[in-house]
Amino acid sequence: MAISTFAELKASVADYLNRSDLTSVIPTFITLAEAQINRDVRHWQMEEKASLTVNARYVARPSDWIQTVRIALSGGSGGGLSLMSQQAMAEKRGAANDAAGTPAFYSHSESNFELFPTPDSANTAELLYYQNVPALSNSATSNWLLASAPDVYLYGTLIHSAPYLAEDGRTGVWAQMYGAAVNQLNLQSESSKTSGAGLKLRVRGLG
């Protein structure tokens, strides 16, 4: 059975489970799988750019943000901001008497980026980040991940069906298949970003 739409994914899950009475709960299994997928998968198709207004100590993160790749100030040197822990930032802020200036560091604070030094003038920054995989639904019937790696969706969904069905014995098999599919997808992404670049070491800071 092809798995290219939300409906086909639900039908495949029901087929694998050999159950016809789970219509109302399979979407919940898929939602749980998507939450895990967003924690496990890091693919170039999840990368997104956003322009941030940098004019205060705290700057809101995009609502679909998962992980920061890079923040760089626009104009001037355009230098990238370095990630630091909240504790280290608090110590730096205290040592500098919270003097304002051009931000050089950031940390994650609740749903915001915290900047240090606090900006002394308005600026913009370009954020490169990983965003959530678009969720499937009856109105959003497919996305890039389902098209590229339906096995990730299928085995991820089956993992989350096991506790509900009290069939934990099969979880290990599905988890192994899911882990292998995720690993292959992540490796494929890395390969696609480095192909043709020769023997070059790539260093990527993730926040």
C-alpha atoms as a PDB file:
ATOM      1  CA  MET A   1       0.000   0.000   0.000  1.00  0.00           C
ATOM      2  CA  ALA A   2       1.317   3.452  -0.948  1.00  0.00           C
ATOM      3  CA  ILE A   3       1.755   5.912   1.901  1.00  0.00           C
ATOM      4  CA  SER A   4       1.672   9.418   0.479  1.00  0.00           C
ATOM      5  CA  THR A   5      -1.296  11.025   2.257  1.00  0.00           C
ATOM      6  CA  PHE A   6      -2.698  11.334   5.759  1.00  0.00           C
ATOM      7  CA  ALA A   7      -5.539   8.957   4.845  1.00  0.00           C
ATOM      8  CA  GLU A   8      -3.120   6.372   3.443  1.00  0.00           C
ATOM      9  CA  LEU A   9      -0.941   6.604   6.542  1.00  0.00           C
ATOM     10  CA  LYS A  10      -3.953   5.981   8.798  1.00  0.00           C
ATOM     11  CA  ALA A  11      -5.019   3.044   6.660  1.00  0.00           C
ATOM     12  CA  SER A  12      -1.509   1.545   6.723  1.00  0.00           C
ATOM     13  CA  VAL A  13      -1.321   1.846  10.512  1.00  0.00           C
ATOM     14  CA  ALA A  14      -4.667   0.086  10.848  1.00  0.00           C
ATOM     15  CA  ASP A  15      -3.463  -2.603   8.426  1.00  0.00           C
ATOM     16  CA  TYR A  16      -0.213  -3.195  10.331  1.00  0.00           C
ATOM     17  CA  LEU A  17      -2.142  -3.422  13.588  1.00  0.00           C
ATOM     18  CA  ASN A  18      -4.791  -5.612  11.961  1.00  0.00           C
ATOM     19  CA  ARG A  19      -7.457  -3.457  13.583  1.00  0.00           C
ATOM     20  CA  SER A  20     -10.461  -1.739  12.065  1.00  0.00           C
ATOM     21  CA  ASP A  21     -11.744  -0.115  15.262  1.00  0.00           C
ATOM     22  CA  LEU A  22      -9.057   2.533  15.805  1.00  0.00           C
ATOM     23  CA  THR A  23     -10.254   5.247  13.430  1.00  0.00           C
ATOM     24  CA  SER A  24     -10.714   7.802  16.203  1.00  0.00           C
ATOM     25  CA  VAL A  25      -7.345   7.234  17.928  1.00  0.00           C
ATOM     26  CA  ILE A  26      -4.899   6.683  15.062  1.00  0.00           C
ATOM     27  CA  PRO A  27      -4.660  10.476  14.465  1.00  0.00           C
ATOM     28  CA  THR A  28      -3.536  10.791  18.105  1.00  0.00           C
ATOM     29  CA  PHE A  29      -0.820   8.190  17.505  1.00  0.00           C
ATOM     30  CA  ILE A  30       0.316  10.233  14.488  1.00  0.00           C
ATOM     31  CA  THR A  31       0.397  13.443  16.543  1.00  0.00           C
ATOM     32  CA  LEU A  32       2.548  11.723  19.182  1.00  0.00           C
ATOM     33  CA  ALA A  33       4.832  10.405  16.451  1.00  0.00           C
ATOM     34  CA  GLU A  34       5.222  13.908  15.026  1.00  0.00           C
ATOM     35  CA  ALA A  35       6.296  15.213  18.431  1.00  0.00           C
ATOM     36  CA  GLN A  36       8.994  12.539  18.591  1.00  0.00           C
ATOM     37  CA  ILE A  37      10.010  13.115  14.964  1.00  0.00           C
ATOM     38  CA  ASN A  38      10.561  16.802  15.697  1.00  0.00           C
ATOM     39  CA  ARG A  39      12.934  15.791  18.491  1.00  0.00           C
ATOM     40  CA  ASP A  40      14.812  13.204  16.435  1.00  0.00           C
ATOM     41  CA  VAL A  41      14.987  14.374  12.817  1.00  0.00           C
ATOM     42  CA  ARG A  42      17.334  17.138  11.673  1.00  0.00           C
ATOM     43  CA  HIS A  43      16.994  17.546   7.928  1.00  0.00           C
ATOM     44  CA  TRP A  44      17.828  20.402   5.615  1.00  0.00           C
ATOM     45  CA  GLN A  45      14.154  20.657   4.656  1.00  0.00           C
ATOM     46  CA  MET A  46      13.436  21.656   8.257  1.00  0.00           C
ATOM     47  CA  GLU A  47      15.734  24.690   7.980  1.00  0.00           C
ATOM     48  CA  GLU A  48      14.070  28.096   7.852  1.00  0.00           C
ATOM     49  CA  LYS A  49      15.216  31.716   7.956  1.00  0.00           C
ATOM     50  CA  ALA A  50      13.608  34.573   9.842  1.00  0.00           C
ATOM     51  CA  SER A  51      14.414  38.231  10.300  1.00  0.00           C
ATOM     52  CA  LEU A  52      14.464  39.358  13.932  1.00  0.00           C
ATOM     53  CA  THR A  53      14.076  42.890  15.230  1.00  0.00           C
ATOM     54  CA  VAL A  54      16.875  43.290  17.766  1.00  0.00           C
ATOM     55  CA  ASN A  55      16.034  46.226  20.029  1.00  0.00           C
ATOM     56  CA  ALA A  56      15.627  44.764  23.512  1.00  0.00           C
ATOM     57  CA  ARG A  57      17.117  42.245  25.914  1.00  0.00           C
ATOM     58  CA  TYR A  58      14.556  39.602  24.936  1.00  0.00           C
ATOM     59  CA  VAL A  59      13.524  38.736  21.372  1.00  0.00           C
ATOM     60  CA  ALA A  60      10.673  36.286  20.706  1.00  0.00           C
ATOM     61  CA  ARG A  61      11.482  33.046  18.915  1.00  0.00           C
ATOM     62  CA  PRO A  62       9.372  31.940  15.918  1.00  0.00           C
ATOM     63  CA  SER A  63       6.401  29.812  16.950  1.00  0.00           C
ATOM     64  CA  ASP A  64       7.649  26.835  14.893  1.00  0.00           C
ATOM     65  CA  TRP A  65      11.219  27.014  16.278  1.00  0.00           C
ATOM     66  CA  ILE A  66      12.879  23.773  17.392  1.00  0.00           C
ATOM     67  CA  GLN A  67      16.587  24.506  17.424  1.00  0.00           C
ATOM     68  CA  THR A  68      18.888  27.360  16.501  1.00  0.00           C
ATOM     69  CA  VAL A  69      21.538  26.923  13.840  1.00  0.00           C
ATOM     70  CA  ARG A  70      22.837  30.490  13.672  1.00  0.00           C
ATOM     71  CA  ILE A  71      21.958  34.074  14.605  1.00  0.00           C
ATOM     72  CA  ALA A  72      23.875  36.816  12.791  1.00  0.00           C
ATOM     73  CA  LEU A  73      23.426  40.563  13.044  1.00  0.00           C
ATOM     74  CA  SER A  74      22.587  42.325   9.797  1.00  0.00           C
ATOM     75  CA  GLY A  75      24.810  45.112   8.532  1.00  0.00           C
ATOM     76  CA  GLY A  76      28.203  46.024   9.911  1.00  0.00           C
ATOM     77  CA  SER A  77      30.354  42.954  10.414  1.00  0.00           C
ATOM     78  CA  GLY A  78      27.319  40.678  10.381  1.00  0.00           C
ATOM     79  CA  GLY A  79      29.054  38.566  12.981  1.00  0.00           C
ATOM     80  CA  GLY A  80      27.319  35.537  14.406  1.00  0.00           C
ATOM     81  CA  LEU A  81      26.177  35.591  18.026  1.00  0.00           C
ATOM     82  CA  SER A  82      27.636  32.917  20.300  1.00  0.00           C
ATOM     83  CA  LEU A  83      25.413  30.680  22.403  1.00  0.00           C
ATOM     84  CA  MET A  84      25.987  30.659  26.154  1.00  0.00           C
ATOM     85  CA  SER A  85      24.156  29.294  29.168  1.00  0.00           C
ATOM     86  CA  GLN A  86      21.828  31.519  31.168  1.00  0.00           C
ATOM     87  CA  GLN A  87      24.143  31.213  34.156  1.00  0.00           C
ATOM     88  CA  ALA A  88      27.186  32.345  32.163  1.00  0.00           C
ATOM     89  CA  MET A  89      25.187  35.222  30.685  1.00  0.00           C
ATOM     90  CA  ALA A  90      23.995  36.344  34.109  1.00  0.00           C
ATOM     91  CA  GLU A  91      27.603  36.395  35.302  1.00  0.00           C
ATOM     92  CA  LYS A  92      28.730  38.404  32.272  1.00  0.00           C
ATOM     93  CA  ARG A  93      25.822  40.811  32.671  1.00  0.00           C
ATOM     94  CA  GLY A  94      26.642  41.338  36.334  1.00  0.00           C
ATOM     95  CA  ALA A  95      30.349  41.855  35.681  1.00  0.00           C
ATOM     96  CA  ALA A  96      29.532  44.476  33.038  1.00  0.00           C
ATOM     97  CA  ASN A  97      26.916  46.197  35.227  1.00  0.00           C
ATOM     98  CA  ASP A  98      24.395  45.372  32.505  1.00  0.00           C
ATOM     99  CA  ALA A  99      25.953  47.924  30.158  1.00  0.00           C
ATOM    100  CA  ALA A 100      24.233  48.136  26.757  1.00  0.00           C
ATOM    101  CA  GLY A 101      26.092  47.575  23.508  1.00  0.00           C
ATOM    102  CA  THR A 102      26.141  45.478  20.363  1.00  0.00           C
ATOM    103  CA  PRO A 103      24.889  41.962  21.146  1.00  0.00           C
ATOM    104  CA  ALA A 104      27.556  39.264  20.885  1.00  0.00           C
ATOM    105  CA  PHE A 105      25.917  36.406  22.820  1.00  0.00           C
ATOM    106  CA  TYR A 106      22.501  34.794  23.134  1.00  0.00           C
ATOM    107  CA  SER A 107      20.832  32.240  25.354  1.00  0.00           C
ATOM    108  CA  HIS A 108      17.419  30.607  25.401  1.00  0.00           C
ATOM    109  CA  SER A 109      14.964  31.980  27.943  1.00  0.00           C
ATOM    110  CA  GLU A 110      11.478  30.460  27.899  1.00  0.00           C
ATOM    111  CA  SER A 111      10.115  31.342  24.433  1.00  0.00           C
ATOM    112  CA  ASN A 112      12.681  34.080  23.819  1.00  0.00           C
ATOM    113  CA  PHE A 113      16.273  34.683  22.870  1.00  0.00           C
ATOM    114  CA  GLU A 114      18.075  36.641  25.598  1.00  0.00           C
ATOM    115  CA  LEU A 115      20.807  38.898  24.212  1.00  0.00           C
ATOM    116  CA  PHE A 116      23.992  40.206  25.758  1.00  0.00           C
ATOM    117  CA  PRO A 117      24.907  42.984  25.810  1.00  0.00           C
ATOM    118  CA  THR A 118      21.392  44.421  25.733  1.00  0.00           C
ATOM    119  CA  PRO A 119      21.134  46.266  22.377  1.00  0.00           C
ATOM    120  CA  ASP A 120      21.947  49.955  22.605  1.00  0.00           C
ATOM    121  CA  SER A 121      20.253  50.635  19.264  1.00  0.00           C
ATOM    122  CA  ALA A 122      17.725  48.987  16.987  1.00  0.00           C
ATOM    123  CA  ASN A 123      19.081  46.419  14.561  1.00  0.00           C
ATOM    124  CA  THR A 124      17.992  43.309  12.718  1.00  0.00           C
ATOM    125  CA  ALA A 125      19.387  39.814  12.757  1.00  0.00           C
ATOM    126  CA  GLU A 126      19.001  36.811  10.513  1.00  0.00           C
ATOM    127  CA  LEU A 127      18.006  33.624  12.289  1.00  0.00           C
ATOM    128  CA  LEU A 128      18.630  30.235  10.711  1.00  0.00           C
ATOM    129  CA  TYR A 129      16.760  27.558  12.621  1.00  0.00           C
ATOM    130  CA  TYR A 130      15.094  24.175  12.470  1.00  0.00           C
ATOM    131  CA  GLN A 131      11.303  24.353  12.328  1.00  0.00           C
ATOM    132  CA  ASN A 132       8.654  21.766  13.140  1.00  0.00           C
ATOM    133  CA  VAL A 133       7.680  19.334  10.429  1.00  0.00           C
ATOM    134  CA  PRO A 134       4.247  20.539   9.210  1.00  0.00           C
ATOM    135  CA  ALA A 135       1.623  18.444  10.982  1.00  0.00           C
ATOM    136  CA  LEU A 136      -0.621  16.150   8.987  1.00  0.00           C
ATOM    137  CA  SER A 137      -4.391  16.467   9.178  1.00  0.00           C
ATOM    138  CA  ASN A 138      -7.502  15.982   7.079  1.00  0.00           C
ATOM    139  CA  SER A 139      -6.882  19.417   5.546  1.00  0.00           C
ATOM    140  CA  ALA A 140      -3.066  19.141   5.350  1.00  0.00           C
ATOM    141  CA  THR A 141      -2.863  15.720   3.776  1.00  0.00           C
ATOM    142  CA  SER A 142       0.877  15.509   3.071  1.00  0.00           C
ATOM    143  CA  ASN A 143       4.218  17.146   3.755  1.00  0.00           C
ATOM    144  CA  TRP A 144       7.835  16.781   2.646  1.00  0.00           C
ATOM    145  CA  LEU A 145       8.619  14.136   5.286  1.00  0.00           C
ATOM    146  CA  LEU A 146       5.751  11.825   4.371  1.00  0.00           C
ATOM    147  CA  ALA A 147       6.748  12.152   0.717  1.00  0.00           C
ATOM    148  CA  SER A 148      10.441  11.498   1.418  1.00  0.00           C
ATOM    149  CA  ALA A 149      10.342   9.014   4.304  1.00  0.00           C
ATOM    150  CA  PRO A 150       6.946   7.386   4.883  1.00  0.00           C
ATOM    151  CA  ASP A 151       8.706   4.689   6.931  1.00  0.00           C
ATOM    152  CA  VAL A 152       9.647   7.292   9.557  1.00  0.00           C
ATOM    153  CA  TYR A 153       5.968   8.234   9.895  1.00  0.00           C
ATOM    154  CA  LEU A 154       4.701   4.649   9.832  1.00  0.00           C
ATOM    155  CA  TYR A 155       7.054   3.144  12.409  1.00  0.00           C
ATOM    156  CA  GLY A 156       6.932   6.265  14.579  1.00  0.00           C
ATOM    157  CA  THR A 157       3.142   6.009  14.666  1.00  0.00           C
ATOM    158  CA  LEU A 158       3.201   2.286  15.408  1.00  0.00           C
ATOM    159  CA  ILE A 159       5.529   2.877  18.378  1.00  0.00           C
ATOM    160  CA  HIS A 160       2.926   5.148  19.943  1.00  0.00           C
ATOM    161  CA  SER A 161       0.087   2.721  19.326  1.00  0.00           C
ATOM    162  CA  ALA A 162       1.654   0.005  21.488  1.00  0.00           C
ATOM    163  CA  PRO A 163       0.971   1.447  24.965  1.00  0.00           C
ATOM    164  CA  TYR A 164      -2.634   2.179  24.033  1.00  0.00           C
ATOM    165  CA  LEU A 165      -3.116  -1.374  22.779  1.00  0.00           C
ATOM    166  CA  ALA A 166      -1.119  -2.923  25.629  1.00  0.00           C
ATOM    167  CA  GLU A 167       1.072  -4.637  23.057  1.00  0.00           C
ATOM    168  CA  ASP A 168       4.486  -3.444  24.197  1.00  0.00           C
ATOM    169  CA  GLY A 169       6.112  -6.613  22.877  1.00  0.00           C
ATOM    170  CA  ARG A 170       6.138  -5.181  19.360  1.00  0.00           C
ATOM    171  CA  THR A 171       7.460  -1.786  20.390  1.00  0.00           C
ATOM    172  CA  GLY A 172      11.093  -2.926  20.226  1.00  0.00           C
ATOM    173  CA  VAL A 173      10.803  -4.031  16.596  1.00  0.00           C
ATOM    174  CA  TRP A 174       9.058  -0.835  15.535  1.00  0.00           C
ATOM    175  CA  ALA A 175      11.497   1.305  17.515  1.00  0.00           C
ATOM    176  CA  GLN A 176      14.418  -0.386  15.771  1.00  0.00           C
ATOM    177  CA  MET A 177      12.884   0.217  12.350  1.00  0.00           C
ATOM    178  CA  TYR A 178      12.035   3.811  13.267  1.00  0.00           C
ATOM    179  CA  GLY A 179      15.553   4.487  14.574  1.00  0.00           C
ATOM    180  CA  ALA A 180      17.150   3.076  11.426  1.00  0.00           C
ATOM    181  CA  ALA A 181      14.877   5.167   9.184  1.00  0.00           C
ATOM    182  CA  VAL A 182      15.584   8.359  11.141  1.00  0.00           C
ATOM    183  CA  ASN A 183      19.319   7.714  11.092  1.00  0.00           C
ATOM    184  CA  GLN A 184      19.314   7.149   7.329  1.00  0.00           C
ATOM    185  CA  LEU A 185      17.263  10.313   6.779  1.00  0.00           C
ATOM    186  CA  ASN A 186      19.602  12.437   8.909  1.00  0.00           C
ATOM    187  CA  LEU A 187      22.671  10.986   7.176  1.00  0.00           C
ATOM    188  CA  GLN A 188      21.096  11.648   3.784  1.00  0.00           C
ATOM    189  CA  SER A 189      20.575  15.279   4.772  1.00  0.00           C
ATOM    190  CA  GLU A 190      24.189  15.690   5.901  1.00  0.00           C
ATOM    191  CA  SER A 191      25.437  14.044   2.722  1.00  0.00           C
ATOM    192  CA  SER A 192      23.343  16.325   0.516  1.00  0.00           C
ATOM    193  CA  LYS A 193      24.734  19.414   2.255  1.00  0.00           C
ATOM    194  CA  THR A 194      28.378  18.336   1.932  1.00  0.00           C
ATOM    195  CA  SER A 195      28.359  16.654  -1.483  1.00  0.00           C
ATOM    196  CA  GLY A 196      30.615  18.358  -4.008  1.00  0.00           C
ATOM    197  CA  ALA A 197      32.414  20.302  -1.299  1.00  0.00           C
ATOM    198  CA  GLY A 198      35.535  18.110  -1.318  1.00  0.00           C
ATOM    199  CA  LEU A 199      37.268  17.012   1.836  1.00  0.00           C
ATOM    200  CA  LYS A 200      36.196  19.880   4.041  1.00  0.00           C
ATOM    201  CA  LEU A 201      35.423  19.768   7.735  1.00  0.00           C
ATOM    202  CA  ARG A 202      32.020  21.204   8.525  1.00  0.00           C
ATOM    203  CA  VAL A 203      31.545  22.687  11.976  1.00  0.00           C
ATOM    204  CA  ARG A 204      28.010  23.678  12.870  1.00  0.00           C
ATOM    205  CA  GLY A 205      27.057  25.165  16.200  1.00  0.00           C
ATOM    206  CA  LEU A 206      23.595  24.198  17.333  1.00  0.00           C
ATOM    207  CA  GLY A 207      21.765  25.967  20.097  1.00  0.00           C
END
